[in-house]
């Protein structure tokens, strides 16, 4: 029972990160019908920017309590600028091109960002500065650290704020209008280009925070860290119903739980033949199963084909 509860906690923490990244995929797809496969690399850039700025701030005597939010702001601003640039340069000229063109471009942007990060930060792992104690807390044999608790609470808070923004603000109404029908939104006076750019920037800001969470949780970052994380977040978006914000959140949490529980019990179920290092298999098995048996996802709705 303790193993089950521990894996449940680990899965919720990991799933909350998947959900944050999946929101970037699902917002862009909901508005443009585009899968932004470079989104995982935006997560990686956010982690790298945060670690670099944190090292500079701490090296100049800035208080850790002030340095952490400052580095988060720097990472978010950097990723928002990156998201705007990706949309403006790589995707906007191909908005009315055949569907395969932006997909290939997205993969190309992903490779470019990986190589740029490798050139700037190098091939080695970049350690996350340890400037505060990560105390473990035990509840009935289940252990959760300060960082894990912070990640889970912050992720849920951000997801709630995003839902409020989309449902209750003028920008949110414009985003929903563009997602429903771009031409009708244009006739109603909505600046489509501005809304799409802001959507990319908003998703990139969430990706930056997710990158900080991942690097803080594991204590390091790497130029290749965004590739697999991005694929898993895409799987979470498809699982929940791509284009549906609540679906992306649910899909991320469910995928995290499936991965964590699978990693905890795969050794026993296979008689020791497979270990927890095979946990990535579960994510892509789920992706295949969803695409075969329920392509619309858990909460997804049928997306009308765009002309």
C-alpha atoms as a PDB file:
ATOM      1  CA  UNK A   1       0.000   0.000   0.000  1.00  0.00           C
ATOM      2  CA  UNK A   2       2.857   2.386   0.773  1.00  0.00           C
ATOM      3  CA  UNK A   3       4.324   1.741  -2.662  1.00  0.00           C
ATOM      4  CA  UNK A   4       0.993   2.520  -4.296  1.00  0.00           C
ATOM      5  CA  UNK A   5       0.578   5.792  -2.379  1.00  0.00           C
ATOM      6  CA  UNK A   6       4.180   6.838  -3.075  1.00  0.00           C
ATOM      7  CA  UNK A   7       3.790   6.207  -6.789  1.00  0.00           C
ATOM      8  CA  UNK A   8       0.469   8.064  -6.668  1.00  0.00           C
ATOM      9  CA  UNK A   9       2.189  11.148  -5.240  1.00  0.00           C
ATOM     10  CA  UNK A  10       5.037  10.904  -7.768  1.00  0.00           C
ATOM     11  CA  UNK A  11       2.544  10.518 -10.598  1.00  0.00           C
ATOM     12  CA  UNK A  12       0.523  13.566  -9.597  1.00  0.00           C
ATOM     13  CA  UNK A  13       3.668  15.709  -9.416  1.00  0.00           C
ATOM     14  CA  UNK A  14       4.956  14.495 -12.780  1.00  0.00           C
ATOM     15  CA  UNK A  15       1.498  14.686 -14.322  1.00  0.00           C
ATOM     16  CA  UNK A  16       1.034  18.301 -13.257  1.00  0.00           C
ATOM     17  CA  UNK A  17       4.161  19.200 -15.247  1.00  0.00           C
ATOM     18  CA  UNK A  18       2.902  17.251 -18.261  1.00  0.00           C
ATOM     19  CA  UNK A  19      -0.381  19.147 -17.981  1.00  0.00           C
ATOM     20  CA  UNK A  20       1.319  22.551 -18.013  1.00  0.00           C
ATOM     21  CA  UNK A  21       3.287  21.678 -21.149  1.00  0.00           C
ATOM     22  CA  UNK A  22       0.249  20.038 -22.770  1.00  0.00           C
ATOM     23  CA  UNK A  23      -1.681  23.286 -22.399  1.00  0.00           C
ATOM     24  CA  UNK A  24       0.740  24.917 -24.849  1.00  0.00           C
ATOM     25  CA  UNK A  25       0.082  22.203 -27.417  1.00  0.00           C
ATOM     26  CA  UNK A  26      -3.676  22.258 -27.001  1.00  0.00           C
ATOM     27  CA  UNK A  27      -4.047  26.071 -27.125  1.00  0.00           C
ATOM     28  CA  UNK A  28      -2.115  26.323 -30.384  1.00  0.00           C
ATOM     29  CA  UNK A  29      -3.968  23.375 -31.903  1.00  0.00           C
ATOM     30  CA  UNK A  30      -7.334  24.726 -30.797  1.00  0.00           C
ATOM     31  CA  UNK A  31      -6.707  28.021 -32.605  1.00  0.00           C
ATOM     32  CA  UNK A  32      -4.591  27.005 -35.609  1.00  0.00           C
ATOM     33  CA  UNK A  33      -5.028  23.245 -35.960  1.00  0.00           C
ATOM     34  CA  UNK A  34      -1.222  23.084 -35.737  1.00  0.00           C
ATOM     35  CA  UNK A  35       0.928  20.749 -33.654  1.00  0.00           C
ATOM     36  CA  UNK A  36       3.825  22.874 -32.404  1.00  0.00           C
ATOM     37  CA  UNK A  37       6.474  20.178 -31.990  1.00  0.00           C
ATOM     38  CA  UNK A  38       9.002  22.848 -31.008  1.00  0.00           C
ATOM     39  CA  UNK A  39       7.119  23.447 -27.743  1.00  0.00           C
ATOM     40  CA  UNK A  40       9.250  20.930 -25.842  1.00  0.00           C
ATOM     41  CA  UNK A  41      12.353  22.900 -26.762  1.00  0.00           C
ATOM     42  CA  UNK A  42      10.734  26.061 -25.375  1.00  0.00           C
ATOM     43  CA  UNK A  43      10.510  24.188 -22.052  1.00  0.00           C
ATOM     44  CA  UNK A  44      14.213  23.403 -22.311  1.00  0.00           C
ATOM     45  CA  UNK A  45      15.139  27.005 -23.118  1.00  0.00           C
ATOM     46  CA  UNK A  46      13.132  28.151 -20.113  1.00  0.00           C
ATOM     47  CA  UNK A  47      15.059  25.807 -17.826  1.00  0.00           C
ATOM     48  CA  UNK A  48      18.405  26.913 -19.260  1.00  0.00           C
ATOM     49  CA  UNK A  49      17.572  30.618 -18.973  1.00  0.00           C
ATOM     50  CA  UNK A  50      16.382  30.156 -15.403  1.00  0.00           C
ATOM     51  CA  UNK A  51      19.526  28.322 -14.290  1.00  0.00           C
ATOM     52  CA  UNK A  52      21.854  30.815 -16.002  1.00  0.00           C
ATOM     53  CA  UNK A  53      20.068  33.859 -14.575  1.00  0.00           C
ATOM     54  CA  UNK A  54      19.853  32.216 -11.148  1.00  0.00           C
ATOM     55  CA  UNK A  55      23.601  31.626 -11.109  1.00  0.00           C
ATOM     56  CA  UNK A  56      24.236  35.262 -12.052  1.00  0.00           C
ATOM     57  CA  UNK A  57      21.819  36.631  -9.446  1.00  0.00           C
ATOM     58  CA  UNK A  58      23.126  34.430  -6.642  1.00  0.00           C
ATOM     59  CA  UNK A  59      26.711  35.214  -7.661  1.00  0.00           C
ATOM     60  CA  UNK A  60      25.978  38.914  -7.260  1.00  0.00           C
ATOM     61  CA  UNK A  61      24.652  38.511  -3.742  1.00  0.00           C
ATOM     62  CA  UNK A  62      20.929  38.633  -4.502  1.00  0.00           C
ATOM     63  CA  UNK A  63      18.801  36.966  -1.830  1.00  0.00           C
ATOM     64  CA  UNK A  64      17.580  33.477  -2.837  1.00  0.00           C
ATOM     65  CA  UNK A  65      14.001  34.474  -2.001  1.00  0.00           C
ATOM     66  CA  UNK A  66      14.274  37.286  -4.547  1.00  0.00           C
ATOM     67  CA  UNK A  67      16.502  35.474  -7.035  1.00  0.00           C
ATOM     68  CA  UNK A  68      14.047  32.630  -7.658  1.00  0.00           C
ATOM     69  CA  UNK A  69      11.063  34.776  -8.745  1.00  0.00           C
ATOM     70  CA  UNK A  70      13.398  37.035 -10.740  1.00  0.00           C
ATOM     71  CA  UNK A  71      14.853  34.109 -12.665  1.00  0.00           C
ATOM     72  CA  UNK A  72      11.316  32.836 -13.288  1.00  0.00           C
ATOM     73  CA  UNK A  73      10.329  36.220 -14.745  1.00  0.00           C
ATOM     74  CA  UNK A  74      13.471  36.282 -16.915  1.00  0.00           C
ATOM     75  CA  UNK A  75      12.786  32.765 -18.197  1.00  0.00           C
ATOM     76  CA  UNK A  76       9.143  33.573 -18.909  1.00  0.00           C
ATOM     77  CA  UNK A  77       9.975  36.779 -20.787  1.00  0.00           C
ATOM     78  CA  UNK A  78      12.677  35.018 -22.789  1.00  0.00           C
ATOM     79  CA  UNK A  79      10.362  32.163 -23.731  1.00  0.00           C
ATOM     80  CA  UNK A  80       7.513  34.528 -24.565  1.00  0.00           C
ATOM     81  CA  UNK A  81       9.813  36.371 -26.966  1.00  0.00           C
ATOM     82  CA  UNK A  82      10.916  33.016 -28.382  1.00  0.00           C
ATOM     83  CA  UNK A  83       7.300  31.883 -28.794  1.00  0.00           C
ATOM     84  CA  UNK A  84       6.421  35.117 -30.582  1.00  0.00           C
ATOM     85  CA  UNK A  85       9.424  34.731 -32.878  1.00  0.00           C
ATOM     86  CA  UNK A  86       8.567  31.110 -33.695  1.00  0.00           C
ATOM     87  CA  UNK A  87       5.000  32.025 -34.599  1.00  0.00           C
ATOM     88  CA  UNK A  88       5.967  35.137 -36.548  1.00  0.00           C
ATOM     89  CA  UNK A  89       8.859  33.670 -38.526  1.00  0.00           C
ATOM     90  CA  UNK A  90       8.167  29.945 -38.859  1.00  0.00           C
ATOM     91  CA  UNK A  91       4.396  29.483 -38.725  1.00  0.00           C
ATOM     92  CA  UNK A  92       2.598  32.641 -39.844  1.00  0.00           C
ATOM     93  CA  UNK A  93       3.904  32.498 -43.457  1.00  0.00           C
ATOM     94  CA  UNK A  94       2.637  28.900 -43.658  1.00  0.00           C
ATOM     95  CA  UNK A  95      -0.776  29.516 -42.103  1.00  0.00           C
ATOM     96  CA  UNK A  96      -2.623  28.726 -45.335  1.00  0.00           C
ATOM     97  CA  UNK A  97      -0.134  26.160 -46.636  1.00  0.00           C
ATOM     98  CA  UNK A  98      -0.881  22.419 -46.795  1.00  0.00           C
ATOM     99  CA  UNK A  99      -0.933  20.799 -43.340  1.00  0.00           C
ATOM    100  CA  UNK A 100       2.320  18.922 -43.907  1.00  0.00           C
ATOM    101  CA  UNK A 101       4.356  22.128 -44.387  1.00  0.00           C
ATOM    102  CA  UNK A 102       3.957  23.603 -40.864  1.00  0.00           C
ATOM    103  CA  UNK A 103       4.435  20.135 -39.360  1.00  0.00           C
ATOM    104  CA  UNK A 104       7.820  19.745 -41.060  1.00  0.00           C
ATOM    105  CA  UNK A 105       8.680  23.323 -40.099  1.00  0.00           C
ATOM    106  CA  UNK A 106       7.845  22.590 -36.457  1.00  0.00           C
ATOM    107  CA  UNK A 107      10.228  19.639 -36.426  1.00  0.00           C
ATOM    108  CA  UNK A 108      12.893  21.804 -38.071  1.00  0.00           C
ATOM    109  CA  UNK A 109      12.461  24.557 -35.471  1.00  0.00           C
ATOM    110  CA  UNK A 110      12.808  21.939 -32.739  1.00  0.00           C
ATOM    111  CA  UNK A 111      16.133  20.727 -34.140  1.00  0.00           C
ATOM    112  CA  UNK A 112      17.389  24.296 -34.586  1.00  0.00           C
ATOM    113  CA  UNK A 113      16.583  25.175 -30.959  1.00  0.00           C
ATOM    114  CA  UNK A 114      18.295  22.035 -29.700  1.00  0.00           C
ATOM    115  CA  UNK A 115      21.476  22.867 -31.577  1.00  0.00           C
ATOM    116  CA  UNK A 116      21.395  26.526 -30.512  1.00  0.00           C
ATOM    117  CA  UNK A 117      21.065  25.453 -26.881  1.00  0.00           C
ATOM    118  CA  UNK A 118      23.954  23.027 -27.307  1.00  0.00           C
ATOM    119  CA  UNK A 119      26.115  25.810 -28.762  1.00  0.00           C
ATOM    120  CA  UNK A 120      25.246  28.263 -25.977  1.00  0.00           C
ATOM    121  CA  UNK A 121      25.172  26.005 -22.915  1.00  0.00           C
ATOM    122  CA  UNK A 122      27.228  23.051 -24.110  1.00  0.00           C
ATOM    123  CA  UNK A 123      26.602  19.319 -24.197  1.00  0.00           C
ATOM    124  CA  UNK A 124      27.017  18.693 -20.469  1.00  0.00           C
ATOM    125  CA  UNK A 125      24.252  18.660 -17.895  1.00  0.00           C
ATOM    126  CA  UNK A 126      23.618  22.029 -16.284  1.00  0.00           C
ATOM    127  CA  UNK A 127      23.095  21.676 -12.501  1.00  0.00           C
ATOM    128  CA  UNK A 128      20.282  23.568 -10.820  1.00  0.00           C
ATOM    129  CA  UNK A 129      21.744  25.706  -7.988  1.00  0.00           C
ATOM    130  CA  UNK A 130      21.066  24.260  -4.535  1.00  0.00           C
ATOM    131  CA  UNK A 131      20.405  27.332  -2.461  1.00  0.00           C
ATOM    132  CA  UNK A 132      17.604  26.037  -0.226  1.00  0.00           C
ATOM    133  CA  UNK A 133      16.932  22.843   1.679  1.00  0.00           C
ATOM    134  CA  UNK A 134      14.644  20.362  -0.050  1.00  0.00           C
ATOM    135  CA  UNK A 135      13.283  18.756   3.094  1.00  0.00           C
ATOM    136  CA  UNK A 136      11.352  15.483   2.715  1.00  0.00           C
ATOM    137  CA  UNK A 137       8.068  15.114   4.572  1.00  0.00           C
ATOM    138  CA  UNK A 138       6.768  11.699   5.583  1.00  0.00           C
ATOM    139  CA  UNK A 139       3.045  10.935   5.886  1.00  0.00           C
ATOM    140  CA  UNK A 140       2.301   7.330   6.795  1.00  0.00           C
ATOM    141  CA  UNK A 141       5.388   6.067   4.993  1.00  0.00           C
ATOM    142  CA  UNK A 142       4.808   8.263   1.926  1.00  0.00           C
ATOM    143  CA  UNK A 143       7.540  10.818   1.250  1.00  0.00           C
ATOM    144  CA  UNK A 144       7.092  14.125  -0.546  1.00  0.00           C
ATOM    145  CA  UNK A 145       9.744  16.841  -0.771  1.00  0.00           C
ATOM    146  CA  UNK A 146       9.326  20.600  -0.553  1.00  0.00           C
ATOM    147  CA  UNK A 147      10.018  20.965  -4.287  1.00  0.00           C
ATOM    148  CA  UNK A 148       7.442  18.326  -5.234  1.00  0.00           C
ATOM    149  CA  UNK A 149       4.820  19.970  -3.047  1.00  0.00           C
ATOM    150  CA  UNK A 150       5.610  23.388  -4.528  1.00  0.00           C
ATOM    151  CA  UNK A 151       5.469  22.026  -8.085  1.00  0.00           C
ATOM    152  CA  UNK A 152       2.068  20.421  -7.568  1.00  0.00           C
ATOM    153  CA  UNK A 153       0.473  23.433  -5.850  1.00  0.00           C
ATOM    154  CA  UNK A 154       1.937  25.933  -8.320  1.00  0.00           C
ATOM    155  CA  UNK A 155       0.917  23.853 -11.341  1.00  0.00           C
ATOM    156  CA  UNK A 156      -2.680  23.557 -10.129  1.00  0.00           C
ATOM    157  CA  UNK A 157      -2.768  27.294  -9.412  1.00  0.00           C
ATOM    158  CA  UNK A 158      -1.487  28.161 -12.895  1.00  0.00           C
ATOM    159  CA  UNK A 159      -3.998  25.830 -14.533  1.00  0.00           C
ATOM    160  CA  UNK A 160      -6.821  27.441 -12.581  1.00  0.00           C
ATOM    161  CA  UNK A 161      -5.661  30.935 -13.536  1.00  0.00           C
ATOM    162  CA  UNK A 162      -5.457  29.939 -17.201  1.00  0.00           C
ATOM    163  CA  UNK A 163      -9.035  28.650 -17.141  1.00  0.00           C
ATOM    164  CA  UNK A 164     -10.175  31.931 -15.594  1.00  0.00           C
ATOM    165  CA  UNK A 165      -8.289  33.902 -18.243  1.00  0.00           C
ATOM    166  CA  UNK A 166      -9.830  31.937 -21.110  1.00  0.00           C
ATOM    167  CA  UNK A 167     -13.372  31.933 -19.710  1.00  0.00           C
ATOM    168  CA  UNK A 168     -13.658  35.341 -18.043  1.00  0.00           C
ATOM    169  CA  UNK A 169     -11.412  37.850 -19.856  1.00  0.00           C
ATOM    170  CA  UNK A 170     -11.638  39.728 -23.129  1.00  0.00           C
ATOM    171  CA  UNK A 171      -8.521  37.977 -24.435  1.00  0.00           C
ATOM    172  CA  UNK A 172     -10.043  34.619 -23.537  1.00  0.00           C
ATOM    173  CA  UNK A 173     -13.226  35.440 -25.446  1.00  0.00           C
ATOM    174  CA  UNK A 174     -11.138  36.468 -28.445  1.00  0.00           C
ATOM    175  CA  UNK A 175      -9.159  33.213 -28.250  1.00  0.00           C
ATOM    176  CA  UNK A 176     -12.364  31.175 -28.162  1.00  0.00           C
ATOM    177  CA  UNK A 177     -13.795  33.162 -31.052  1.00  0.00           C
ATOM    178  CA  UNK A 178     -10.714  32.603 -33.215  1.00  0.00           C
ATOM    179  CA  UNK A 179     -10.729  28.904 -32.333  1.00  0.00           C
ATOM    180  CA  UNK A 180     -14.408  28.638 -33.322  1.00  0.00           C
ATOM    181  CA  UNK A 181     -14.248  30.513 -36.626  1.00  0.00           C
ATOM    182  CA  UNK A 182     -11.411  32.781 -37.721  1.00  0.00           C
ATOM    183  CA  UNK A 183     -13.325  34.530 -40.487  1.00  0.00           C
ATOM    184  CA  UNK A 184     -16.309  35.289 -38.265  1.00  0.00           C
ATOM    185  CA  UNK A 185     -13.981  36.563 -35.525  1.00  0.00           C
ATOM    186  CA  UNK A 186     -12.261  38.815 -38.066  1.00  0.00           C
ATOM    187  CA  UNK A 187     -15.603  40.263 -39.138  1.00  0.00           C
ATOM    188  CA  UNK A 188     -16.410  40.961 -35.482  1.00  0.00           C
ATOM    189  CA  UNK A 189     -13.244  43.083 -35.171  1.00  0.00           C
ATOM    190  CA  UNK A 190     -10.910  40.546 -33.543  1.00  0.00           C
ATOM    191  CA  UNK A 191      -7.232  41.012 -34.430  1.00  0.00           C
ATOM    192  CA  UNK A 192      -6.476  37.409 -35.365  1.00  0.00           C
ATOM    193  CA  UNK A 193      -2.709  37.826 -35.682  1.00  0.00           C
ATOM    194  CA  UNK A 194      -2.503  39.450 -32.254  1.00  0.00           C
ATOM    195  CA  UNK A 195      -4.596  36.721 -30.616  1.00  0.00           C
ATOM    196  CA  UNK A 196      -2.522  33.948 -32.176  1.00  0.00           C
ATOM    197  CA  UNK A 197       0.736  35.614 -31.141  1.00  0.00           C
ATOM    198  CA  UNK A 198      -0.527  36.076 -27.579  1.00  0.00           C
ATOM    199  CA  UNK A 199      -1.580  32.433 -27.499  1.00  0.00           C
ATOM    200  CA  UNK A 200       1.933  31.340 -28.445  1.00  0.00           C
ATOM    201  CA  UNK A 201       3.395  33.692 -25.846  1.00  0.00           C
ATOM    202  CA  UNK A 202       1.058  32.491 -23.107  1.00  0.00           C
ATOM    203  CA  UNK A 203       1.843  28.850 -23.836  1.00  0.00           C
ATOM    204  CA  UNK A 204       5.563  29.655 -23.884  1.00  0.00           C
ATOM    205  CA  UNK A 205       5.339  31.355 -20.470  1.00  0.00           C
ATOM    206  CA  UNK A 206       3.762  28.207 -19.016  1.00  0.00           C
ATOM    207  CA  UNK A 207       6.449  26.135 -20.731  1.00  0.00           C
ATOM    208  CA  UNK A 208       9.170  28.232 -19.073  1.00  0.00           C
ATOM    209  CA  UNK A 209       7.680  27.607 -15.643  1.00  0.00           C
ATOM    210  CA  UNK A 210       7.393  23.894 -16.429  1.00  0.00           C
ATOM    211  CA  UNK A 211      11.073  23.868 -17.424  1.00  0.00           C
ATOM    212  CA  UNK A 212      12.017  25.436 -14.078  1.00  0.00           C
ATOM    213  CA  UNK A 213       9.917  22.838 -12.241  1.00  0.00           C
ATOM    214  CA  UNK A 214      11.527  19.918 -14.055  1.00  0.00           C
ATOM    215  CA  UNK A 215      15.087  21.175 -13.622  1.00  0.00           C
ATOM    216  CA  UNK A 216      14.486  21.999  -9.942  1.00  0.00           C
ATOM    217  CA  UNK A 217      12.920  18.591  -9.293  1.00  0.00           C
ATOM    218  CA  UNK A 218      15.712  16.608 -10.941  1.00  0.00           C
ATOM    219  CA  UNK A 219      18.482  19.073 -10.087  1.00  0.00           C
ATOM    220  CA  UNK A 220      19.747  19.525 -13.664  1.00  0.00           C
ATOM    221  CA  UNK A 221      18.902  20.567 -17.216  1.00  0.00           C
ATOM    222  CA  UNK A 222      20.164  19.479 -20.618  1.00  0.00           C
ATOM    223  CA  UNK A 223      19.823  20.699 -24.184  1.00  0.00           C
ATOM    224  CA  UNK A 224      17.958  17.492 -25.119  1.00  0.00           C
ATOM    225  CA  UNK A 225      15.574  17.457 -22.127  1.00  0.00           C
ATOM    226  CA  UNK A 226      12.662  19.006 -24.010  1.00  0.00           C
ATOM    227  CA  UNK A 227      12.358  16.363 -26.725  1.00  0.00           C
ATOM    228  CA  UNK A 228      10.970  13.446 -24.712  1.00  0.00           C
ATOM    229  CA  UNK A 229       9.096  15.749 -22.333  1.00  0.00           C
ATOM    230  CA  UNK A 230       7.433  17.409 -25.310  1.00  0.00           C
ATOM    231  CA  UNK A 231       6.374  14.070 -26.786  1.00  0.00           C
ATOM    232  CA  UNK A 232       4.877  12.987 -23.467  1.00  0.00           C
ATOM    233  CA  UNK A 233       3.038  16.296 -23.082  1.00  0.00           C
ATOM    234  CA  UNK A 234       1.703  15.891 -26.620  1.00  0.00           C
ATOM    235  CA  UNK A 235       0.518  12.419 -25.623  1.00  0.00           C
ATOM    236  CA  UNK A 236      -1.206  13.965 -22.602  1.00  0.00           C
ATOM    237  CA  UNK A 237      -2.933  16.533 -24.842  1.00  0.00           C
ATOM    238  CA  UNK A 238      -4.151  13.795 -27.189  1.00  0.00           C
ATOM    239  CA  UNK A 239      -5.250  11.641 -24.254  1.00  0.00           C
ATOM    240  CA  UNK A 240      -7.352  14.421 -22.763  1.00  0.00           C
ATOM    241  CA  UNK A 241      -8.645  15.683 -26.101  1.00  0.00           C
ATOM    242  CA  UNK A 242      -6.385  18.033 -28.011  1.00  0.00           C
ATOM    243  CA  UNK A 243      -7.908  21.477 -28.330  1.00  0.00           C
ATOM    244  CA  UNK A 244      -9.620  21.132 -24.928  1.00  0.00           C
ATOM    245  CA  UNK A 245      -7.935  22.919 -21.998  1.00  0.00           C
ATOM    246  CA  UNK A 246      -9.563  20.805 -19.293  1.00  0.00           C
ATOM    247  CA  UNK A 247      -8.743  17.730 -21.345  1.00  0.00           C
ATOM    248  CA  UNK A 248      -5.057  18.675 -21.453  1.00  0.00           C
ATOM    249  CA  UNK A 249      -5.007  19.071 -17.672  1.00  0.00           C
ATOM    250  CA  UNK A 250      -6.783  15.760 -17.119  1.00  0.00           C
ATOM    251  CA  UNK A 251      -4.621  13.997 -19.697  1.00  0.00           C
ATOM    252  CA  UNK A 252      -1.424  15.230 -18.063  1.00  0.00           C
ATOM    253  CA  UNK A 253      -2.444  14.026 -14.609  1.00  0.00           C
ATOM    254  CA  UNK A 254      -3.695  10.675 -15.927  1.00  0.00           C
ATOM    255  CA  UNK A 255      -0.527  10.103 -17.961  1.00  0.00           C
ATOM    256  CA  UNK A 256       1.656  10.948 -14.969  1.00  0.00           C
ATOM    257  CA  UNK A 257      -0.247   8.461 -12.815  1.00  0.00           C
ATOM    258  CA  UNK A 258      -0.074   5.716 -15.455  1.00  0.00           C
ATOM    259  CA  UNK A 259       3.658   6.221 -15.894  1.00  0.00           C
ATOM    260  CA  UNK A 260       4.395   6.316 -12.191  1.00  0.00           C
ATOM    261  CA  UNK A 261       2.242   3.323 -11.267  1.00  0.00           C
ATOM    262  CA  UNK A 262       3.594   1.386 -14.233  1.00  0.00           C
ATOM    263  CA  UNK A 263       7.181   2.114 -13.219  1.00  0.00           C
ATOM    264  CA  UNK A 264       6.427   1.028  -9.660  1.00  0.00           C
ATOM    265  CA  UNK A 265       4.855  -2.308 -10.559  1.00  0.00           C
ATOM    266  CA  UNK A 266       6.346  -3.312 -13.916  1.00  0.00           C
ATOM    267  CA  UNK A 267       9.170  -5.192 -12.194  1.00  0.00           C
ATOM    268  CA  UNK A 268       6.765  -7.327 -10.155  1.00  0.00           C
ATOM    269  CA  UNK A 269       4.395  -7.906 -13.054  1.00  0.00           C
ATOM    270  CA  UNK A 270       7.194  -8.993 -15.399  1.00  0.00           C
ATOM    271  CA  UNK A 271       9.046 -11.087 -12.831  1.00  0.00           C
ATOM    272  CA  UNK A 272      11.980  -8.692 -12.841  1.00  0.00           C
ATOM    273  CA  UNK A 273      12.438  -8.841 -16.631  1.00  0.00           C
ATOM    274  CA  UNK A 274      11.539  -5.159 -17.052  1.00  0.00           C
ATOM    275  CA  UNK A 275      12.607  -2.352 -14.728  1.00  0.00           C
ATOM    276  CA  UNK A 276      11.350   1.146 -13.988  1.00  0.00           C
ATOM    277  CA  UNK A 277      13.580   2.446 -16.798  1.00  0.00           C
ATOM    278  CA  UNK A 278      10.902   1.195 -19.192  1.00  0.00           C
ATOM    279  CA  UNK A 279       8.343   3.690 -17.901  1.00  0.00           C
ATOM    280  CA  UNK A 280       8.504   5.727 -21.118  1.00  0.00           C
ATOM    281  CA  UNK A 281       6.904   2.805 -22.938  1.00  0.00           C
ATOM    282  CA  UNK A 282       3.627   3.447 -21.139  1.00  0.00           C
ATOM    283  CA  UNK A 283       3.277   6.979 -22.513  1.00  0.00           C
ATOM    284  CA  UNK A 284       3.565   5.907 -26.126  1.00  0.00           C
ATOM    285  CA  UNK A 285       1.451   2.792 -25.597  1.00  0.00           C
ATOM    286  CA  UNK A 286      -1.274   5.113 -24.303  1.00  0.00           C
ATOM    287  CA  UNK A 287      -0.814   7.396 -27.337  1.00  0.00           C
ATOM    288  CA  UNK A 288      -1.288   4.482 -29.751  1.00  0.00           C
ATOM    289  CA  UNK A 289      -4.281   3.153 -27.819  1.00  0.00           C
ATOM    290  CA  UNK A 290      -6.016   6.545 -27.742  1.00  0.00           C
ATOM    291  CA  UNK A 291      -5.441   7.173 -31.444  1.00  0.00           C
ATOM    292  CA  UNK A 292      -6.858   3.733 -32.277  1.00  0.00           C
ATOM    293  CA  UNK A 293      -9.831   3.505 -29.913  1.00  0.00           C
ATOM    294  CA  UNK A 294     -10.753   7.120 -29.038  1.00  0.00           C
ATOM    295  CA  UNK A 295      -9.070   9.672 -31.315  1.00  0.00           C
ATOM    296  CA  UNK A 296     -11.040  12.548 -29.758  1.00  0.00           C
ATOM    297  CA  UNK A 297      -9.549  11.839 -26.315  1.00  0.00           C
ATOM    298  CA  UNK A 298     -11.230  11.691 -22.912  1.00  0.00           C
ATOM    299  CA  UNK A 299     -12.855  15.139 -23.056  1.00  0.00           C
ATOM    300  CA  UNK A 300     -12.292  16.004 -26.698  1.00  0.00           C
ATOM    301  CA  UNK A 301     -14.916  17.057 -29.156  1.00  0.00           C
ATOM    302  CA  UNK A 302     -14.967  16.579 -32.857  1.00  0.00           C
ATOM    303  CA  UNK A 303     -12.922  19.335 -34.516  1.00  0.00           C
ATOM    304  CA  UNK A 304     -14.469  20.548 -37.752  1.00  0.00           C
ATOM    305  CA  UNK A 305     -12.181  20.399 -40.728  1.00  0.00           C
ATOM    306  CA  UNK A 306     -10.863  23.833 -41.671  1.00  0.00           C
ATOM    307  CA  UNK A 307     -11.167  24.878 -45.256  1.00  0.00           C
END
